Amino acid sequence: MTHLVFFSALSFVDSPIPRLTSNAENRRRFGPRFVAERSGQLVMSGIDEEFTGPASPDLDLNGKRREGQVPPKHVTRFSAEETEEVEGENLEDSDLEKPWIPLLDYLTTFGLDQSHFIRMYKKHFDLFGVNVSKARERLEYLLEIGVKEKDIKKILVRHPIILEYTVEEHLKLHVAFLVDLGIPESKVGKVIAGSPSIVSFSIENSLKPKVRYLIDEVGVTKEDLSKVIQLSPQILTQRIDTTWNDRYAFLSEELGAPRDAVVKMIVKHPQLLHYRIQEVMSPIIDFLRSIGMEDVDILKILTSHAQVFSLSLERNLRPKYLYLINELQHDVKSLTKYPSYLSLSLNQRIRPLHRFLEYLKKAPGRPFPLGLLLPSDEFFCKKWAGTSTNQYFAFRETLLPQDHADKYDTH
């Protein structure tokens, strides 16, 4: 059974989890009251070894709660009677802490296995003190608000402490907060799945101030706020004051970007706030300059398609540019008119559509019209190829990415 393997595996987990050598230590370690804070370090009661990592995602390395995050309220753990009953038993080496087994068995129904349990344990080792009926209530609520069943596993592995937050006094309040921001109820589950740590932050002391900052300081309109959060839920859990100021200053100095242009970039691609300037943003701008683009044109492209910053320079942008020049016979100025070309997949769209028309001997003269790459597959096949989409899809499968791996992107 999964829980048998899990408990066995815990004995061999590397730091920050000290090795367990007996069932007595198992009980001390996994019991409901085995964590104590001493001298800024989290230690195990009855175990001399110090725990050197954070007890959970909302604690820092010194065992202190991260700014803006709140501890779970009304956590349901084993009763004193349950704990005493287990501790009083003379368990064999293969026996388990019996109150845990129902919880582990229930969590396996979401696809969790021993590797997931160990990762969850390392992030929040007090997790398995949660009563299985309360865990079921909380996960069923997440499913009710739109979290997909396949995402439950991801949520628990990334943020296991979510099992400790009560439905009525915590989860529902955070859901109501998101709905009040204009996020449709049908989308709330997706937002929480995208950034489950949202439920760990205080609404009054952390989430509301971030919203006010986005509106008052960054300049995101209330109408656009819901869109921004849905595109990047992490924006509510990460610092945005310094990230906004640094990126606005960089784009303003590098490209002469006015404030409203940078705000448009944020609204269309809020992930921009999380990209590193020197490692990601600056190299992209330098590349566009190197192929002959003027700053005014670069700004125009980035304002309308800020997601260009998310693309790999060597595996995506450069190969697409080479294909544009060498195969489609365009010059760099074409990117200003058709900036969306940079967001298309080379091996799933640009190259197959181009090659398909050549195969049918229906390719227009050169340079190849970039506008033909933009419509849907159905429209392209009906309007330009005069074939069924199935015929086009079959042809696309014959184009192996390796054919142009040395010269062009493999995406």
Protein backbone atom coordinates (compact mmCIF):
# COMPACT_ATOMS: atom_id res chain seq x y z
CA MET A 1 0.00 0.00 0.00
CA THR A 2 1.12 3.56 -0.69
CA HIS A 3 1.15 4.62 2.96
CA LEU A 4 3.36 1.64 3.92
CA VAL A 5 5.96 2.62 1.35
CA PHE A 6 5.61 6.26 2.32
CA PHE A 7 6.43 5.72 5.98
CA SER A 8 9.32 3.48 5.06
CA ALA A 9 10.68 6.03 2.63
CA LEU A 10 10.62 8.80 5.24
CA SER A 11 13.46 7.06 7.07
CA PHE A 12 15.76 7.77 4.15
CA VAL A 13 14.74 11.28 3.14
CA ASP A 14 17.70 13.65 3.06
CA SER A 15 17.84 16.93 4.91
CA PRO A 16 15.85 18.97 5.84
CA ILE A 17 14.04 15.91 7.25
CA PRO A 18 16.15 14.16 9.93
CA ARG A 19 16.33 10.40 9.58
CA LEU A 20 13.90 8.44 11.72
CA THR A 21 15.16 5.35 13.51
CA SER A 22 12.23 4.05 15.55
CA ASN A 23 8.48 3.99 15.84
CA ALA A 24 8.81 6.05 19.00
CA GLU A 25 10.46 8.79 16.97
CA ASN A 26 7.81 8.31 14.29
CA ARG A 27 5.12 9.04 16.84
CA ARG A 28 6.97 12.01 18.26
CA ARG A 29 7.62 13.34 14.78
CA PHE A 30 4.22 12.86 13.22
CA GLY A 31 2.08 13.49 16.29
CA PRO A 32 -0.09 16.59 16.52
CA ARG A 33 2.18 18.46 18.89
CA PHE A 34 5.74 17.68 17.97
CA VAL A 35 6.94 21.02 16.62
CA ALA A 36 8.43 23.63 18.87
CA GLU A 37 10.09 26.89 18.02
CA ARG A 38 13.33 27.47 19.86
CA SER A 39 16.00 30.11 19.28
CA GLY A 40 14.66 30.94 15.83
CA GLN A 41 15.03 27.32 14.71
CA LEU A 42 12.29 24.77 14.24
CA VAL A 43 13.17 21.62 16.13
CA MET A 44 11.59 18.25 16.74
CA SER A 45 10.40 17.61 20.29
CA GLY A 46 12.43 14.75 21.69
CA ILE A 47 14.87 14.81 18.74
CA ASP A 48 18.17 16.62 19.02
CA GLU A 49 18.64 17.25 15.32
CA GLU A 50 17.59 20.72 14.18
CA PHE A 51 15.23 21.27 11.28
CA THR A 52 17.02 23.72 9.00
CA GLY A 53 14.32 24.38 6.38
CA PRO A 54 10.95 26.11 6.49
CA ALA A 55 8.15 24.14 8.11
CA SER A 56 5.73 25.24 5.43
CA PRO A 57 5.52 27.61 2.45
CA ASP A 58 4.31 30.39 4.74
CA LEU A 59 7.35 30.21 7.03
CA ASP A 60 10.77 31.58 6.21
CA LEU A 61 14.07 29.87 6.98
CA ASN A 62 14.00 31.25 10.51
CA GLY A 63 10.62 29.74 11.22
CA LYS A 64 8.86 33.10 11.00
CA ARG A 65 5.67 33.62 9.05
CA ARG A 66 6.10 35.38 5.72
CA GLU A 67 4.75 38.91 5.44
CA GLY A 68 1.05 39.03 4.65
CA GLN A 69 0.41 35.34 5.23
CA VAL A 70 -1.87 34.08 7.95
CA PRO A 71 -1.88 30.76 9.80
CA PRO A 72 -4.77 28.35 9.36
CA LYS A 73 -7.61 28.71 11.83
CA HIS A 74 -9.43 25.92 13.59
CA VAL A 75 -7.16 23.17 12.30
CA THR A 76 -8.74 19.81 13.02
CA ARG A 77 -6.18 17.33 14.36
CA PHE A 78 -6.29 14.05 16.21
CA SER A 79 -8.00 14.18 19.56
CA ALA A 80 -5.97 13.62 22.69
CA GLU A 81 -7.70 10.27 23.11
CA GLU A 82 -6.73 9.19 19.59
CA THR A 83 -3.11 10.24 20.14
CA GLU A 84 -2.82 8.58 23.53
CA GLU A 85 -4.37 5.39 22.16
CA VAL A 86 -1.79 5.21 19.39
CA GLU A 87 1.12 6.13 21.62
CA GLY A 88 0.08 3.46 24.12
CA GLU A 89 0.28 0.67 21.59
CA ASN A 90 3.34 -1.50 21.19
CA LEU A 91 3.62 -1.19 17.41
CA GLU A 92 5.81 -3.49 15.37
CA ASP A 93 8.26 -1.99 12.88
CA SER A 94 5.79 -2.45 10.03
CA ASP A 95 2.88 -0.80 11.89
CA LEU A 96 1.72 2.73 11.14
CA GLU A 97 0.24 5.64 12.99
CA LYS A 98 -3.32 4.45 12.52
CA PRO A 99 -5.06 7.87 12.41
CA TRP A 100 -3.01 8.76 9.34
CA ILE A 101 -3.99 5.85 7.16
CA PRO A 102 -7.49 7.07 6.16
CA LEU A 103 -6.06 10.46 5.13
CA LEU A 104 -3.32 8.91 3.01
CA ASP A 105 -5.76 6.50 1.40
CA TYR A 106 -8.12 9.36 0.57
CA LEU A 107 -5.38 11.49 -0.95
CA THR A 108 -4.27 8.63 -3.19
CA THR A 109 -7.65 8.90 -4.96
CA PHE A 110 -6.31 12.13 -6.49
CA GLY A 111 -3.25 10.39 -7.87
CA LEU A 112 -0.85 11.15 -5.04
CA ASP A 113 1.82 8.58 -4.29
CA GLN A 114 4.78 8.21 -1.95
CA SER A 115 6.94 10.74 -3.81
CA HIS A 116 4.20 13.35 -3.51
CA PHE A 117 3.66 12.63 0.18
CA ILE A 118 7.35 13.07 0.88
CA ARG A 119 7.42 16.39 -0.97
CA MET A 120 4.32 17.53 0.91
CA TYR A 121 5.86 16.44 4.19
CA LYS A 122 9.04 18.40 3.53
CA LYS A 123 7.02 21.55 2.86
CA HIS A 124 4.59 21.21 5.75
CA PHE A 125 5.35 18.32 8.06
CA ASP A 126 2.36 18.95 10.35
CA LEU A 127 0.00 18.28 7.45
CA PHE A 128 -0.85 14.70 8.30
CA GLY A 129 -2.48 15.72 11.55
CA VAL A 130 -5.51 16.92 9.57
CA ASN A 131 -8.64 14.84 10.10
CA VAL A 132 -9.63 12.98 6.93
CA SER A 133 -13.25 14.12 7.07
CA LYS A 134 -12.17 17.75 7.21
CA ALA A 135 -9.67 17.20 4.40
CA ARG A 136 -12.45 15.68 2.29
CA GLU A 137 -14.74 18.65 3.03
CA ARG A 138 -12.09 21.15 1.95
CA LEU A 139 -11.09 19.36 -1.24
CA GLU A 140 -14.73 18.81 -2.21
CA TYR A 141 -15.27 22.54 -1.80
CA LEU A 142 -12.37 23.25 -4.14
CA LEU A 143 -13.98 20.95 -6.70
CA GLU A 144 -17.30 22.75 -6.24
CA ILE A 145 -15.79 26.15 -7.10
CA GLY A 146 -14.29 24.85 -10.31
CA VAL A 147 -10.90 23.39 -9.48
CA LYS A 148 -10.40 20.44 -11.81
CA GLU A 149 -9.82 17.08 -10.20
CA LYS A 150 -6.52 16.67 -12.04
CA ASP A 151 -5.31 19.95 -10.49
CA ILE A 152 -5.95 18.85 -6.89
CA LYS A 153 -2.72 16.85 -6.91
CA LYS A 154 -0.74 19.84 -8.17
CA ILE A 155 -2.28 22.09 -5.54
CA LEU A 156 -1.52 19.71 -2.68
CA VAL A 157 2.07 19.16 -3.77
CA ARG A 158 2.70 22.88 -4.28
CA HIS A 159 0.77 24.14 -1.28
CA PRO A 160 -0.17 21.29 1.09
CA ILE A 161 -1.14 23.66 3.90
CA ILE A 162 -4.36 24.34 1.99
CA LEU A 163 -5.74 21.20 3.67
CA GLU A 164 -5.67 23.03 6.98
CA TYR A 165 -7.83 25.99 5.99
CA THR A 166 -11.48 25.73 6.96
CA VAL A 167 -14.21 26.18 4.36
CA GLU A 168 -16.52 28.59 6.16
CA GLU A 169 -14.00 30.82 7.90
CA HIS A 170 -11.26 30.87 5.27
CA LEU A 171 -11.72 29.39 1.81
CA LYS A 172 -15.15 30.92 1.21
CA LEU A 173 -13.90 34.35 2.25
CA HIS A 174 -11.07 34.20 -0.29
CA VAL A 175 -13.42 33.01 -3.01
CA ALA A 176 -15.81 35.89 -2.24
CA PHE A 177 -12.88 38.31 -2.41
CA LEU A 178 -11.91 37.09 -5.88
CA VAL A 179 -15.50 37.28 -7.11
CA ASP A 180 -15.76 40.85 -5.80
CA LEU A 181 -12.79 41.74 -8.00
CA GLY A 182 -14.84 40.79 -11.04
CA ILE A 183 -13.52 37.28 -11.58
CA PRO A 184 -16.40 35.09 -12.83
CA GLU A 185 -17.36 32.33 -10.42
CA SER A 186 -16.66 29.83 -13.18
CA LYS A 187 -13.03 31.03 -13.31
CA VAL A 188 -12.26 31.22 -9.58
CA GLY A 189 -11.18 27.58 -9.44
CA LYS A 190 -8.67 28.14 -12.23
CA VAL A 191 -7.23 31.16 -10.41
CA ILE A 192 -6.74 29.21 -7.18
CA ALA A 193 -5.25 26.26 -9.08
CA GLY A 194 -2.83 28.67 -10.75
CA SER A 195 -1.69 30.14 -7.44
CA PRO A 196 -3.01 28.14 -4.46
CA SER A 197 -0.97 30.21 -2.01
CA ILE A 198 -3.52 33.00 -2.50
CA VAL A 199 -5.58 31.42 0.28
CA SER A 200 -2.64 31.77 2.68
CA PHE A 201 -2.54 35.56 2.44
CA SER A 202 -4.52 37.90 4.62
CA ILE A 203 -7.29 39.58 2.64
CA GLU A 204 -7.10 42.83 4.58
CA ASN A 205 -3.36 43.06 5.17
CA SER A 206 -1.99 41.66 1.92
CA LEU A 207 -4.42 40.99 -0.93
CA LYS A 208 -6.39 44.23 -0.75
CA PRO A 209 -3.24 46.39 -0.57
CA LYS A 210 -1.88 44.64 -3.68
CA VAL A 211 -5.11 45.33 -5.54
CA ARG A 212 -5.00 48.98 -4.50
CA TYR A 213 -1.40 49.22 -5.68
CA LEU A 214 -2.24 47.76 -9.09
CA ILE A 215 -5.03 50.29 -9.52
CA ASP A 216 -3.59 53.41 -7.86
CA GLU A 217 0.14 53.09 -8.57
CA VAL A 218 0.49 50.89 -11.66
CA GLY A 219 -2.59 52.24 -13.40
CA VAL A 220 -4.52 49.04 -14.12
CA THR A 221 -8.19 49.91 -14.50
CA LYS A 222 -10.82 48.18 -12.42
CA GLU A 223 -12.22 46.77 -15.66
CA ASP A 224 -8.87 45.20 -16.55
CA LEU A 225 -8.06 43.98 -13.05
CA SER A 226 -10.00 40.72 -13.39
CA LYS A 227 -8.25 39.94 -16.68
CA VAL A 228 -4.82 40.59 -15.17
CA ILE A 229 -5.44 38.28 -12.21
CA GLN A 230 -6.82 35.52 -14.41
CA LEU A 231 -3.79 35.71 -16.69
CA SER A 232 -1.34 35.72 -13.78
CA PRO A 233 -2.83 34.79 -10.38
CA GLN A 234 0.67 34.99 -8.89
CA ILE A 235 0.44 38.76 -9.13
CA LEU A 236 -1.55 38.69 -5.88
CA THR A 237 1.08 36.70 -3.99
CA GLN A 238 4.33 38.33 -5.07
CA ARG A 239 5.77 41.76 -4.44
CA ILE A 240 4.81 44.12 -7.23
CA ASP A 241 6.01 47.49 -5.97
CA THR A 242 9.68 47.01 -6.79
CA THR A 243 9.03 44.78 -9.81
CA TRP A 244 6.74 47.40 -11.37
CA ASN A 245 9.07 50.32 -10.70
CA ASP A 246 12.14 48.46 -11.97
CA ARG A 247 10.50 47.29 -15.20
CA TYR A 248 8.84 50.60 -15.91
CA ALA A 249 12.15 52.39 -15.41
CA PHE A 250 13.96 49.89 -17.64
CA LEU A 251 11.50 50.08 -20.54
CA SER A 252 11.30 53.85 -20.23
CA GLU A 253 15.08 54.25 -20.35
CA GLU A 254 15.73 51.61 -23.01
CA LEU A 255 12.90 52.31 -25.44
CA GLY A 256 11.43 55.60 -24.31
CA ALA A 257 8.25 53.75 -23.36
CA PRO A 258 5.56 56.02 -21.94
CA ARG A 259 3.74 54.86 -18.83
CA ASP A 260 0.52 53.97 -20.66
CA ALA A 261 2.44 51.71 -23.06
CA VAL A 262 3.99 49.77 -20.19
CA VAL A 263 0.59 49.46 -18.50
CA LYS A 264 -0.79 47.99 -21.75
CA MET A 265 2.02 45.43 -21.68
CA ILE A 266 1.13 44.49 -18.10
CA VAL A 267 -2.57 44.14 -18.88
CA LYS A 268 -1.91 41.91 -21.89
CA HIS A 269 0.90 39.94 -20.28
CA PRO A 270 1.14 40.50 -16.50
CA GLN A 271 3.84 37.84 -16.29
CA LEU A 272 6.09 40.67 -17.48
CA LEU A 273 6.32 41.79 -13.86
CA HIS A 274 8.14 38.55 -13.01
CA TYR A 275 10.72 38.44 -15.83
CA ARG A 276 14.30 39.23 -14.95
CA ILE A 277 15.52 42.36 -16.63
CA GLN A 278 19.13 41.43 -17.36
CA GLU A 279 18.60 37.74 -18.09
CA VAL A 280 15.35 37.93 -20.09
CA MET A 281 14.14 41.36 -21.12
CA SER A 282 17.38 43.05 -22.12
CA PRO A 283 18.59 40.19 -24.40
CA ILE A 284 15.27 40.22 -26.29
CA ILE A 285 15.52 43.94 -26.96
CA ASP A 286 19.17 43.60 -27.97
CA PHE A 287 18.27 40.83 -30.42
CA LEU A 288 15.53 42.88 -32.07
CA ARG A 289 17.99 45.75 -32.44
CA SER A 290 20.61 43.41 -33.89
CA ILE A 291 18.33 42.39 -36.76
CA GLY A 292 17.81 46.00 -37.74
CA MET A 293 14.72 47.11 -35.84
CA GLU A 294 14.41 50.68 -34.59
CA ASP A 295 13.47 51.30 -30.97
CA VAL A 296 10.15 52.83 -32.01
CA ASP A 297 9.25 49.62 -33.86
CA ILE A 298 10.44 47.43 -31.01
CA LEU A 299 8.20 49.37 -28.64
CA LYS A 300 5.27 48.98 -31.00
CA ILE A 301 5.75 45.20 -31.16
CA LEU A 302 6.21 44.78 -27.42
CA THR A 303 3.22 46.97 -26.60
CA SER A 304 0.90 44.85 -28.73
CA HIS A 305 2.61 41.50 -28.07
CA ALA A 306 4.37 41.68 -24.70
CA GLN A 307 4.40 37.85 -24.61
CA VAL A 308 7.45 38.08 -26.88
CA PHE A 309 9.40 38.42 -23.63
CA SER A 310 8.29 34.89 -22.71
CA LEU A 311 9.88 33.32 -25.81
CA SER A 312 13.26 31.66 -25.85
CA LEU A 313 15.72 33.71 -27.85
CA GLU A 314 17.75 30.83 -29.27
CA ARG A 315 15.02 28.20 -29.59
CA ASN A 316 12.18 30.42 -30.72
CA LEU A 317 12.75 34.02 -31.78
CA ARG A 318 15.96 33.58 -33.75
CA PRO A 319 14.73 30.49 -35.69
CA LYS A 320 11.49 32.27 -36.61
CA TYR A 321 13.43 35.27 -37.83
CA LEU A 322 15.73 33.08 -39.96
CA TYR A 323 12.71 31.33 -41.48
CA LEU A 324 11.11 34.70 -42.20
CA ILE A 325 14.19 35.90 -44.05
CA ASN A 326 15.41 32.72 -45.75
CA GLU A 327 12.21 30.83 -46.54
CA LEU A 328 9.41 33.39 -46.67
CA GLN A 329 11.65 36.01 -48.30
CA HIS A 330 10.63 38.90 -46.04
CA ASP A 331 12.68 41.65 -44.45
CA VAL A 332 12.61 42.70 -40.82
CA LYS A 333 10.16 45.54 -41.46
CA SER A 334 7.44 42.95 -42.00
CA LEU A 335 7.49 42.21 -38.28
CA THR A 336 6.25 45.71 -37.55
CA LYS A 337 3.18 45.12 -39.71
CA TYR A 338 2.67 41.54 -38.54
CA PRO A 339 4.06 41.35 -34.98
CA SER A 340 1.83 38.35 -34.25
CA TYR A 341 4.15 36.32 -36.51
CA LEU A 342 6.54 36.10 -33.55
CA SER A 343 3.89 34.46 -31.38
CA LEU A 344 3.08 31.69 -33.88
CA SER A 345 4.62 28.23 -33.60
CA LEU A 346 7.22 27.57 -36.29
CA ASN A 347 6.75 23.81 -36.58
CA GLN A 348 3.05 23.68 -35.73
CA ARG A 349 1.86 26.58 -37.87
CA ILE A 350 4.28 28.74 -39.89
CA ARG A 351 6.26 26.04 -41.64
CA PRO A 352 3.38 23.54 -42.18
CA LEU A 353 1.06 26.15 -43.74
CA HIS A 354 3.84 27.45 -45.97
CA ARG A 355 4.98 23.98 -47.06
CA PHE A 356 1.41 22.77 -47.58
CA LEU A 357 0.67 25.48 -50.13
CA GLU A 358 3.97 24.74 -51.86
CA TYR A 359 3.07 21.04 -51.93
CA LEU A 360 -0.29 21.88 -53.52
CA LYS A 361 1.47 24.30 -55.90
CA LYS A 362 -0.81 27.05 -54.61
CA ALA A 363 1.78 29.16 -52.84
CA PRO A 364 1.52 32.86 -53.74
CA GLY A 365 4.53 34.67 -55.07
CA ARG A 366 7.34 35.76 -52.82
CA PRO A 367 7.52 37.23 -50.32
CA PHE A 368 5.01 34.80 -48.85
CA PRO A 369 2.01 36.77 -47.48
CA LEU A 370 2.23 36.64 -43.70
CA GLY A 371 -1.49 37.32 -43.45
CA LEU A 372 -2.14 33.75 -44.63
CA LEU A 373 -0.61 32.41 -41.41
CA LEU A 374 -3.02 34.20 -39.10
CA PRO A 375 -6.54 32.77 -39.73
CA SER A 376 -7.76 29.48 -38.29
CA ASP A 377 -6.84 26.16 -39.89
CA GLU A 378 -10.42 25.77 -41.13
CA PHE A 379 -10.41 29.15 -42.84
CA PHE A 380 -6.96 28.58 -44.32
CA CYS A 381 -7.92 25.20 -45.81
CA LYS A 382 -11.20 26.45 -47.23
CA LYS A 383 -9.99 29.81 -48.54
CA TRP A 384 -6.42 29.17 -49.65
CA ALA A 385 -5.70 25.45 -49.83
CA GLY A 386 -9.08 24.23 -51.09
CA THR A 387 -8.75 21.02 -49.06
CA SER A 388 -10.13 19.51 -45.87
CA THR A 389 -8.46 20.17 -42.55
CA ASN A 390 -7.84 16.42 -42.22
CA GLN A 391 -5.72 16.49 -45.36
CA TYR A 392 -3.74 19.40 -43.98
CA PHE A 393 -3.27 17.73 -40.59
CA ALA A 394 -2.05 14.55 -42.26
CA PHE A 395 0.49 16.54 -44.27
CA ARG A 396 1.66 18.37 -41.16
CA GLU A 397 2.43 15.07 -39.48
CA THR A 398 4.86 14.23 -42.29
CA LEU A 399 6.98 17.27 -41.53
CA LEU A 400 9.48 16.14 -38.96
CA PRO A 401 10.95 18.92 -36.81
CA GLN A 402 14.36 17.32 -37.27
CA ASP A 403 14.31 18.30 -40.94
CA HIS A 404 15.23 21.85 -39.97
CA ALA A 405 16.60 21.30 -36.47
CA ASP A 406 19.97 22.80 -37.32
CA LYS A 407 18.55 25.95 -38.89
CA TYR A 408 15.17 26.48 -37.31
CA ASP A 409 13.16 26.09 -34.17
CA THR A 410 11.98 22.66 -33.02
CA HIS A 411 8.73 24.12 -31.68
